[in-house]
All heavy atoms as atom14 arrays in JSON, in Angstrom:
{
  "sequence": "LSTAASISFLGAAIGGDEDFSLLLLLACAIYGALGLWARSK",
  "atom14_mask": [
    [1, 1, 1, 1, 1, 1, 1, 1, 0, 0, 0, 0, 0, 0],
    [1, 1, 1, 1, 1, 1, 0, 0, 0, 0, 0, 0, 0, 0],
    [1, 1, 1, 1, 1, 1, 1, 0, 0, 0, 0, 0, 0, 0],
    [1, 1, 1, 1, 1, 0, 0, 0, 0, 0, 0, 0, 0, 0],
    [1, 1, 1, 1, 1, 0, 0, 0, 0, 0, 0, 0, 0, 0],
    [1, 1, 1, 1, 1, 1, 0, 0, 0, 0, 0, 0, 0, 0],
    [1, 1, 1, 1, 1, 1, 1, 1, 0, 0, 0, 0, 0, 0],
    [1, 1, 1, 1, 1, 1, 0, 0, 0, 0, 0, 0, 0, 0],
    [1, 1, 1, 1, 1, 1, 1, 1, 1, 1, 1, 0, 0, 0],
    [1, 1, 1, 1, 1, 1, 1, 1, 0, 0, 0, 0, 0, 0],
    [1, 1, 1, 1, 0, 0, 0, 0, 0, 0, 0, 0, 0, 0],
    [1, 1, 1, 1, 1, 0, 0, 0, 0, 0, 0, 0, 0, 0],
    [1, 1, 1, 1, 1, 0, 0, 0, 0, 0, 0, 0, 0, 0],
    [1, 1, 1, 1, 1, 1, 1, 1, 0, 0, 0, 0, 0, 0],
    [1, 1, 1, 1, 0, 0, 0, 0, 0, 0, 0, 0, 0, 0],
    [1, 1, 1, 1, 0, 0, 0, 0, 0, 0, 0, 0, 0, 0],
    [1, 1, 1, 1, 1, 1, 1, 1, 0, 0, 0, 0, 0, 0],
    [1, 1, 1, 1, 1, 1, 1, 1, 1, 0, 0, 0, 0, 0],
    [1, 1, 1, 1, 1, 1, 1, 1, 0, 0, 0, 0, 0, 0],
    [1, 1, 1, 1, 1, 1, 1, 1, 1, 1, 1, 0, 0, 0],
    [1, 1, 1, 1, 1, 1, 0, 0, 0, 0, 0, 0, 0, 0],
    [1, 1, 1, 1, 1, 1, 1, 1, 0, 0, 0, 0, 0, 0],
    [1, 1, 1, 1, 1, 1, 1, 1, 0, 0, 0, 0, 0, 0],
    [1, 1, 1, 1, 1, 1, 1, 1, 0, 0, 0, 0, 0, 0],
    [1, 1, 1, 1, 1, 1, 1, 1, 0, 0, 0, 0, 0, 0],
    [1, 1, 1, 1, 1, 1, 1, 1, 0, 0, 0, 0, 0, 0],
    [1, 1, 1, 1, 1, 0, 0, 0, 0, 0, 0, 0, 0, 0],
    [1, 1, 1, 1, 1, 1, 0, 0, 0, 0, 0, 0, 0, 0],
    [1, 1, 1, 1, 1, 0, 0, 0, 0, 0, 0, 0, 0, 0],
    [1, 1, 1, 1, 1, 1, 1, 1, 0, 0, 0, 0, 0, 0],
    [1, 1, 1, 1, 1, 1, 1, 1, 1, 1, 1, 1, 0, 0],
    [1, 1, 1, 1, 0, 0, 0, 0, 0, 0, 0, 0, 0, 0],
    [1, 1, 1, 1, 1, 0, 0, 0, 0, 0, 0, 0, 0, 0],
    [1, 1, 1, 1, 1, 1, 1, 1, 0, 0, 0, 0, 0, 0],
    [1, 1, 1, 1, 0, 0, 0, 0, 0, 0, 0, 0, 0, 0],
    [1, 1, 1, 1, 1, 1, 1, 1, 0, 0, 0, 0, 0, 0],
    [1, 1, 1, 1, 1, 1, 1, 1, 1, 1, 1, 1, 1, 1],
    [1, 1, 1, 1, 1, 0, 0, 0, 0, 0, 0, 0, 0, 0],
    [1, 1, 1, 1, 1, 1, 1, 1, 1, 1, 1, 0, 0, 0],
    [1, 1, 1, 1, 1, 1, 0, 0, 0, 0, 0, 0, 0, 0],
    [1, 1, 1, 1, 1, 1, 1, 1, 1, 0, 0, 0, 0, 0]
  ],
  "atom14_positions": [
    [[-51.81, 24.61, 23.57], [-50.36, 24.84, 23.65], [-49.6, 23.53, 23.81], [-48.53, 23.34, 23.21], [-50.06, 25.78, 24.83], [-50.6, 27.21, 24.74], [-50.22, 27.99, 25.99], [-50.05, 27.91, 23.5], [0.0, 0.0, 0.0], [0.0, 0.0, 0.0], [0.0, 0.0, 0.0], [0.0, 0.0, 0.0], [0.0, 0.0, 0.0], [0.0, 0.0, 0.0]],
    [[-50.14, 22.61, 24.61], [-49.48, 21.32, 24.8], [-49.47, 20.51, 23.52], [-48.49, 19.82, 23.21], [-50.19, 20.53, 25.92], [-50.17, 21.24, 27.14], [0.0, 0.0, 0.0], [0.0, 0.0, 0.0], [0.0, 0.0, 0.0], [0.0, 0.0, 0.0], [0.0, 0.0, 0.0], [0.0, 0.0, 0.0], [0.0, 0.0, 0.0], [0.0, 0.0, 0.0]],
    [[-50.55, 20.6, 22.75], [-50.6, 19.91, 21.45], [-49.54, 20.46, 20.51], [-48.84, 19.7, 19.82], [-51.99, 20.08, 20.81], [-52.98, 19.55, 21.69], [-52.07, 19.36, 19.48], [0.0, 0.0, 0.0], [0.0, 0.0, 0.0], [0.0, 0.0, 0.0], [0.0, 0.0, 0.0], [0.0, 0.0, 0.0], [0.0, 0.0, 0.0], [0.0, 0.0, 0.0]],
    [[-49.42, 21.79, 20.47], [-48.4, 22.41, 19.61], [-47.0, 21.97, 20.02], [-46.16, 21.68, 19.16], [-48.53, 23.93, 19.68], [0.0, 0.0, 0.0], [0.0, 0.0, 0.0], [0.0, 0.0, 0.0], [0.0, 0.0, 0.0], [0.0, 0.0, 0.0], [0.0, 0.0, 0.0], [0.0, 0.0, 0.0], [0.0, 0.0, 0.0], [0.0, 0.0, 0.0]],
    [[-46.75, 21.89, 21.33], [-45.43, 21.45, 21.81], [-45.19, 19.99, 21.43], [-44.09, 19.62, 20.99], [-45.35, 21.63, 23.32], [0.0, 0.0, 0.0], [0.0, 0.0, 0.0], [0.0, 0.0, 0.0], [0.0, 0.0, 0.0], [0.0, 0.0, 0.0], [0.0, 0.0, 0.0], [0.0, 0.0, 0.0], [0.0, 0.0, 0.0], [0.0, 0.0, 0.0]],
    [[-46.2, 19.14, 21.59], [-46.06, 17.72, 21.24], [-45.74, 17.53, 19.76], [-44.86, 16.75, 19.39], [-47.35, 16.97, 21.61], [-47.26, 15.61, 21.24], [0.0, 0.0, 0.0], [0.0, 0.0, 0.0], [0.0, 0.0, 0.0], [0.0, 0.0, 0.0], [0.0, 0.0, 0.0], [0.0, 0.0, 0.0], [0.0, 0.0, 0.0], [0.0, 0.0, 0.0]],
    [[-46.44, 18.27, 18.91], [-46.22, 18.15, 17.47], [-44.85, 18.67, 17.08], [-44.17, 18.1, 16.21], [-47.34, 18.89, 16.7], [-48.67, 18.16, 16.9], [-47.01, 18.98, 15.22], [-49.86, 18.89, 16.29], [0.0, 0.0, 0.0], [0.0, 0.0, 0.0], [0.0, 0.0, 0.0], [0.0, 0.0, 0.0], [0.0, 0.0, 0.0], [0.0, 0.0, 0.0]],
    [[-44.41, 19.75, 17.71], [-43.08, 20.29, 17.39], [-41.99, 19.31, 17.79], [-41.01, 19.11, 17.04], [-42.87, 21.64, 18.09], [-42.87, 21.47, 19.51], [0.0, 0.0, 0.0], [0.0, 0.0, 0.0], [0.0, 0.0, 0.0], [0.0, 0.0, 0.0], [0.0, 0.0, 0.0], [0.0, 0.0, 0.0], [0.0, 0.0, 0.0], [0.0, 0.0, 0.0]],
    [[-42.13, 18.64, 18.93], [-41.14, 17.65, 19.34], [-41.24, 16.39, 18.48], [-40.23, 15.7, 18.26], [-41.3, 17.3, 20.82], [-40.78, 18.36, 21.74], [-41.63, 19.04, 22.6], [-39.43, 18.71, 21.74], [-41.16, 20.03, 23.44], [-38.94, 19.7, 22.58], [-39.8, 20.37, 23.43], [0.0, 0.0, 0.0], [0.0, 0.0, 0.0], [0.0, 0.0, 0.0]],
    [[-42.43, 16.1, 17.98], [-42.58, 14.99, 17.04], [-41.78, 15.27, 15.77], [-41.09, 14.38, 15.24], [-44.05, 14.78, 16.7], [-44.36, 13.78, 15.58], [-43.91, 12.37, 15.99], [-45.85, 13.8, 15.23], [0.0, 0.0, 0.0], [0.0, 0.0, 0.0], [0.0, 0.0, 0.0], [0.0, 0.0, 0.0], [0.0, 0.0, 0.0], [0.0, 0.0, 0.0]],
    [[-41.87, 16.49, 15.29], [-41.1, 16.87, 14.11], [-39.61, 16.75, 14.36], [-38.85, 16.29, 13.48], [0.0, 0.0, 0.0], [0.0, 0.0, 0.0], [0.0, 0.0, 0.0], [0.0, 0.0, 0.0], [0.0, 0.0, 0.0], [0.0, 0.0, 0.0], [0.0, 0.0, 0.0], [0.0, 0.0, 0.0], [0.0, 0.0, 0.0], [0.0, 0.0, 0.0]],
    [[-39.17, 17.15, 15.57], [-37.74, 17.04, 15.88], [-37.32, 15.57, 15.98], [-36.2, 15.21, 15.6], [-37.44, 17.76, 17.19], [0.0, 0.0, 0.0], [0.0, 0.0, 0.0], [0.0, 0.0, 0.0], [0.0, 0.0, 0.0], [0.0, 0.0, 0.0], [0.0, 0.0, 0.0], [0.0, 0.0, 0.0], [0.0, 0.0, 0.0], [0.0, 0.0, 0.0]],
    [[-38.22, 14.7, 16.47], [-37.9, 13.29, 16.64], [-37.77, 12.57, 15.3], [-36.92, 11.69, 15.14], [-38.96, 12.61, 17.51], [0.0, 0.0, 0.0], [0.0, 0.0, 0.0], [0.0, 0.0, 0.0], [0.0, 0.0, 0.0], [0.0, 0.0, 0.0], [0.0, 0.0, 0.0], [0.0, 0.0, 0.0], [0.0, 0.0, 0.0], [0.0, 0.0, 0.0]],
    [[-38.62, 12.93, 14.34], [-38.61, 12.24, 13.05], [-37.78, 12.98, 12.01], [-37.68, 12.54, 10.87], [-40.03, 12.03, 12.52], [-40.72, 13.39, 12.24], [-40.85, 11.21, 13.49], [-42.11, 13.26, 11.66], [0.0, 0.0, 0.0], [0.0, 0.0, 0.0], [0.0, 0.0, 0.0], [0.0, 0.0, 0.0], [0.0, 0.0, 0.0], [0.0, 0.0, 0.0]],
    [[-37.24, 14.14, 12.39], [-36.42, 14.9, 11.46], [-37.23, 15.56, 10.37], [-36.88, 15.46, 9.19], [0.0, 0.0, 0.0], [0.0, 0.0, 0.0], [0.0, 0.0, 0.0], [0.0, 0.0, 0.0], [0.0, 0.0, 0.0], [0.0, 0.0, 0.0], [0.0, 0.0, 0.0], [0.0, 0.0, 0.0], [0.0, 0.0, 0.0], [0.0, 0.0, 0.0]],
    [[-38.31, 16.23, 10.74], [-39.19, 16.86, 9.75], [-38.88, 18.31, 9.51], [-39.79, 19.13, 9.33], [0.0, 0.0, 0.0], [0.0, 0.0, 0.0], [0.0, 0.0, 0.0], [0.0, 0.0, 0.0], [0.0, 0.0, 0.0], [0.0, 0.0, 0.0], [0.0, 0.0, 0.0], [0.0, 0.0, 0.0], [0.0, 0.0, 0.0], [0.0, 0.0, 0.0]],
    [[-37.59, 18.66, 9.5], [-37.22, 20.06, 9.32], [-37.37, 20.54, 7.89], [-37.62, 21.71, 7.63], [-35.76, 20.28, 9.77], [-35.6, 20.05, 11.27], [-36.6, 20.2, 11.98], [-34.49, 19.71, 11.7], [0.0, 0.0, 0.0], [0.0, 0.0, 0.0], [0.0, 0.0, 0.0], [0.0, 0.0, 0.0], [0.0, 0.0, 0.0], [0.0, 0.0, 0.0]],
    [[-37.21, 19.62, 6.92], [-37.23, 20.05, 5.52], [-38.63, 20.47, 5.09], [-38.82, 21.53, 4.5], [-36.71, 18.91, 4.64], [-35.22, 18.66, 4.82], [-34.72, 17.63, 3.82], [-35.53, 17.2, 2.97], [-33.53, 17.28, 3.89], [0.0, 0.0, 0.0], [0.0, 0.0, 0.0], [0.0, 0.0, 0.0], [0.0, 0.0, 0.0], [0.0, 0.0, 0.0]],
    [[-39.61, 19.61, 5.32], [-40.99, 19.93, 4.94], [-41.87, 19.8, 6.17], [-42.44, 18.75, 6.44], [-41.46, 18.98, 3.83], [-42.86, 19.35, 3.34], [-43.35, 20.43, 3.74], [-43.45, 18.57, 2.58], [0.0, 0.0, 0.0], [0.0, 0.0, 0.0], [0.0, 0.0, 0.0], [0.0, 0.0, 0.0], [0.0, 0.0, 0.0], [0.0, 0.0, 0.0]],
    [[-41.92, 20.87, 6.96], [-42.72, 20.82, 8.19], [-44.17, 21.21, 7.94], [-44.93, 21.41, 8.88], [-42.1, 21.71, 9.27], [-41.85, 23.13, 8.86], [-42.79, 24.11, 9.09], [-40.65, 23.47, 8.24], [-42.55, 25.42, 8.72], [-40.41, 24.79, 7.87], [-41.36, 25.76, 8.11], [0.0, 0.0, 0.0], [0.0, 0.0, 0.0], [0.0, 0.0, 0.0]],
    [[-44.56, 21.31, 6.66], [-45.96, 21.58, 6.37], [-46.85, 20.44, 6.84], [-48.0, 20.66, 7.23], [-46.17, 21.82, 4.87], [-45.86, 20.65, 4.12], [0.0, 0.0, 0.0], [0.0, 0.0, 0.0], [0.0, 0.0, 0.0], [0.0, 0.0, 0.0], [0.0, 0.0, 0.0], [0.0, 0.0, 0.0], [0.0, 0.0, 0.0], [0.0, 0.0, 0.0]],
    [[-46.31, 19.2, 6.83], [-47.09, 18.05, 7.29], [-47.39, 18.16, 8.79], [-48.47, 17.75, 9.24], [-46.33, 16.76, 7.0], [-46.16, 16.4, 5.52], [-45.33, 15.14, 5.37], [-47.53, 16.21, 4.86], [0.0, 0.0, 0.0], [0.0, 0.0, 0.0], [0.0, 0.0, 0.0], [0.0, 0.0, 0.0], [0.0, 0.0, 0.0], [0.0, 0.0, 0.0]],
    [[-46.47, 18.73, 9.54], [-46.71, 18.93, 10.97], [-47.81, 19.96, 11.2], [-48.67, 19.8, 12.08], [-45.42, 19.38, 11.66], [-44.25, 18.39, 11.6], [-43.0, 19.02, 12.22], [-44.61, 17.1, 12.31], [0.0, 0.0, 0.0], [0.0, 0.0, 0.0], [0.0, 0.0, 0.0], [0.0, 0.0, 0.0], [0.0, 0.0, 0.0], [0.0, 0.0, 0.0]],
    [[-47.8, 21.02, 10.4], [-48.86, 22.03, 10.5], [-50.2, 21.44, 10.08], [-51.25, 21.75, 10.67], [-48.52, 23.24, 9.63], [-47.35, 24.09, 10.12], [-46.93, 25.09, 9.05], [-47.73, 24.83, 11.4], [0.0, 0.0, 0.0], [0.0, 0.0, 0.0], [0.0, 0.0, 0.0], [0.0, 0.0, 0.0], [0.0, 0.0, 0.0], [0.0, 0.0, 0.0]],
    [[-50.19, 20.58, 9.06], [-51.42, 19.92, 8.63], [-51.93, 18.97, 9.72], [-53.15, 18.86, 9.93], [-51.17, 19.16, 7.33], [-52.42, 18.62, 6.62], [-53.36, 19.77, 6.24], [-52.02, 17.84, 5.38], [0.0, 0.0, 0.0], [0.0, 0.0, 0.0], [0.0, 0.0, 0.0], [0.0, 0.0, 0.0], [0.0, 0.0, 0.0], [0.0, 0.0, 0.0]],
    [[-51.02, 18.29, 10.4], [-51.41, 17.43, 11.51], [-52.04, 18.24, 12.63], [-53.07, 17.86, 13.21], [-50.19, 16.67, 12.04], [-50.4, 15.81, 13.29], [-51.43, 14.72, 13.02], [-49.07, 15.21, 13.77], [0.0, 0.0, 0.0], [0.0, 0.0, 0.0], [0.0, 0.0, 0.0], [0.0, 0.0, 0.0], [0.0, 0.0, 0.0], [0.0, 0.0, 0.0]],
    [[-51.43, 19.4, 12.95], [-52.0, 20.28, 13.97], [-53.38, 20.76, 13.56], [-54.32, 20.79, 14.38], [-51.07, 21.47, 14.21], [0.0, 0.0, 0.0], [0.0, 0.0, 0.0], [0.0, 0.0, 0.0], [0.0, 0.0, 0.0], [0.0, 0.0, 0.0], [0.0, 0.0, 0.0], [0.0, 0.0, 0.0], [0.0, 0.0, 0.0], [0.0, 0.0, 0.0]],
    [[-53.53, 21.12, 12.29], [-54.83, 21.57, 11.78], [-55.87, 20.45, 11.91], [-57.02, 20.7, 12.29], [-54.7, 22.01, 10.32], [-56.26, 22.48, 9.55], [0.0, 0.0, 0.0], [0.0, 0.0, 0.0], [0.0, 0.0, 0.0], [0.0, 0.0, 0.0], [0.0, 0.0, 0.0], [0.0, 0.0, 0.0], [0.0, 0.0, 0.0], [0.0, 0.0, 0.0]],
    [[-55.46, 19.21, 11.59], [-56.39, 18.08, 11.68], [-56.83, 17.83, 13.13], [-58.02, 17.6, 13.4], [-55.75, 16.83, 11.1], [0.0, 0.0, 0.0], [0.0, 0.0, 0.0], [0.0, 0.0, 0.0], [0.0, 0.0, 0.0], [0.0, 0.0, 0.0], [0.0, 0.0, 0.0], [0.0, 0.0, 0.0], [0.0, 0.0, 0.0], [0.0, 0.0, 0.0]],
    [[-55.88, 17.89, 14.06], [-56.21, 17.66, 15.48], [-57.1, 18.77, 16.01], [-58.16, 18.51, 16.61], [-54.91, 17.55, 16.31], [-54.12, 16.31, 15.91], [-55.25, 17.52, 17.8], [-52.77, 16.21, 16.56], [0.0, 0.0, 0.0], [0.0, 0.0, 0.0], [0.0, 0.0, 0.0], [0.0, 0.0, 0.0], [0.0, 0.0, 0.0], [0.0, 0.0, 0.0]],
    [[-56.69, 20.02, 15.79], [-57.49, 21.14, 16.27], [-58.86, 21.16, 15.6], [-59.88, 21.44, 16.23], [-56.77, 22.47, 16.0], [-55.5, 22.67, 16.78], [-54.41, 23.35, 16.22], [-55.37, 22.2, 18.08], [-53.25, 23.55, 16.93], [-54.19, 22.39, 18.79], [-53.14, 23.07, 18.21], [-51.98, 23.26, 18.92], [0.0, 0.0, 0.0], [0.0, 0.0, 0.0]],
    [[-58.88, 20.88, 14.28], [-60.15, 20.9, 13.56], [-61.11, 19.85, 14.06], [-62.3, 20.12, 14.25], [0.0, 0.0, 0.0], [0.0, 0.0, 0.0], [0.0, 0.0, 0.0], [0.0, 0.0, 0.0], [0.0, 0.0, 0.0], [0.0, 0.0, 0.0], [0.0, 0.0, 0.0], [0.0, 0.0, 0.0], [0.0, 0.0, 0.0], [0.0, 0.0, 0.0]],
    [[-60.59, 18.63, 14.28], [-61.45, 17.55, 14.77], [-61.99, 17.87, 16.16], [-63.19, 17.69, 16.43], [-60.67, 16.23, 14.79], [0.0, 0.0, 0.0], [0.0, 0.0, 0.0], [0.0, 0.0, 0.0], [0.0, 0.0, 0.0], [0.0, 0.0, 0.0], [0.0, 0.0, 0.0], [0.0, 0.0, 0.0], [0.0, 0.0, 0.0], [0.0, 0.0, 0.0]],
    [[-61.12, 18.36, 17.04], [-61.57, 18.71, 18.39], [-62.53, 19.9, 18.37], [-63.53, 19.92, 19.1], [-60.36, 19.04, 19.27], [-59.46, 17.86, 19.66], [-58.2, 18.35, 20.34], [-60.22, 16.91, 20.59], [0.0, 0.0, 0.0], [0.0, 0.0, 0.0], [0.0, 0.0, 0.0], [0.0, 0.0, 0.0], [0.0, 0.0, 0.0], [0.0, 0.0, 0.0]],
    [[-62.22, 20.89, 17.54], [-63.09, 22.06, 17.46], [-64.47, 21.73, 16.94], [-65.49, 22.23, 17.44], [0.0, 0.0, 0.0], [0.0, 0.0, 0.0], [0.0, 0.0, 0.0], [0.0, 0.0, 0.0], [0.0, 0.0, 0.0], [0.0, 0.0, 0.0], [0.0, 0.0, 0.0], [0.0, 0.0, 0.0], [0.0, 0.0, 0.0], [0.0, 0.0, 0.0]],
    [[-64.53, 20.86, 15.93], [-65.83, 20.46, 15.37], [-66.6, 19.58, 16.36], [-67.81, 19.74, 16.54], [-65.63, 19.71, 14.06], [-65.17, 20.55, 12.87], [-64.87, 19.65, 11.68], [-66.23, 21.59, 12.49], [0.0, 0.0, 0.0], [0.0, 0.0, 0.0], [0.0, 0.0, 0.0], [0.0, 0.0, 0.0], [0.0, 0.0, 0.0], [0.0, 0.0, 0.0]],
    [[-65.89, 18.65, 16.98], [-66.56, 17.74, 17.9], [-67.12, 18.47, 19.12], [-68.26, 18.22, 19.53], [-65.57, 16.66, 18.36], [-66.15, 15.74, 19.39], [-67.09, 14.76, 19.19], [-65.85, 15.73, 20.79], [-67.38, 14.14, 20.38], [-66.63, 14.72, 21.38], [-64.99, 16.48, 21.59], [-66.57, 14.44, 22.74], [-64.94, 16.2, 22.94], [-65.71, 15.19, 23.51]],
    [[-66.32, 19.38, 19.67], [-66.75, 20.1, 20.88], [-67.39, 21.44, 20.57], [-67.85, 22.12, 21.48], [-65.55, 20.32, 21.8], [0.0, 0.0, 0.0], [0.0, 0.0, 0.0], [0.0, 0.0, 0.0], [0.0, 0.0, 0.0], [0.0, 0.0, 0.0], [0.0, 0.0, 0.0], [0.0, 0.0, 0.0], [0.0, 0.0, 0.0], [0.0, 0.0, 0.0]],
    [[-67.41, 21.83, 19.29], [-67.92, 23.14, 18.88], [-67.25, 24.26, 19.68], [-67.89, 25.19, 20.18], [-69.44, 23.21, 19.06], [-70.18, 22.17, 18.25], [-71.67, 22.28, 18.41], [-72.36, 21.2, 17.71], [-73.69, 21.05, 17.65], [-74.47, 21.92, 18.26], [-74.21, 20.04, 17.0], [0.0, 0.0, 0.0], [0.0, 0.0, 0.0], [0.0, 0.0, 0.0]],
    [[-65.93, 24.13, 19.78], [-65.13, 25.1, 20.52], [-64.56, 26.13, 19.57], [-63.76, 25.81, 18.68], [-64.0, 24.38, 21.27], [-63.1, 25.32, 21.83], [0.0, 0.0, 0.0], [0.0, 0.0, 0.0], [0.0, 0.0, 0.0], [0.0, 0.0, 0.0], [0.0, 0.0, 0.0], [0.0, 0.0, 0.0], [0.0, 0.0, 0.0], [0.0, 0.0, 0.0]],
    [[-64.94, 27.38, 19.74], [-64.45, 28.45, 18.88], [-62.96, 28.7, 19.1], [-62.23, 29.02, 18.16], [-65.24, 29.73, 19.14], [-66.71, 29.61, 18.79], [-67.48, 30.88, 19.11], [-68.96, 30.72, 18.78], [-69.74, 31.93, 19.12], [0.0, 0.0, 0.0], [0.0, 0.0, 0.0], [0.0, 0.0, 0.0], [0.0, 0.0, 0.0], [0.0, 0.0, 0.0]]
  ]
}
């Protein structure tokens, strides 16, 4: 949840309202890397 909040405020800081797919891709990359590394379902 904290990661999602950080990424959403990052989008607000850089003005990523038009194409926020990059923010979702960033979230996917962070969650994916952590999930694979820790094998967390």
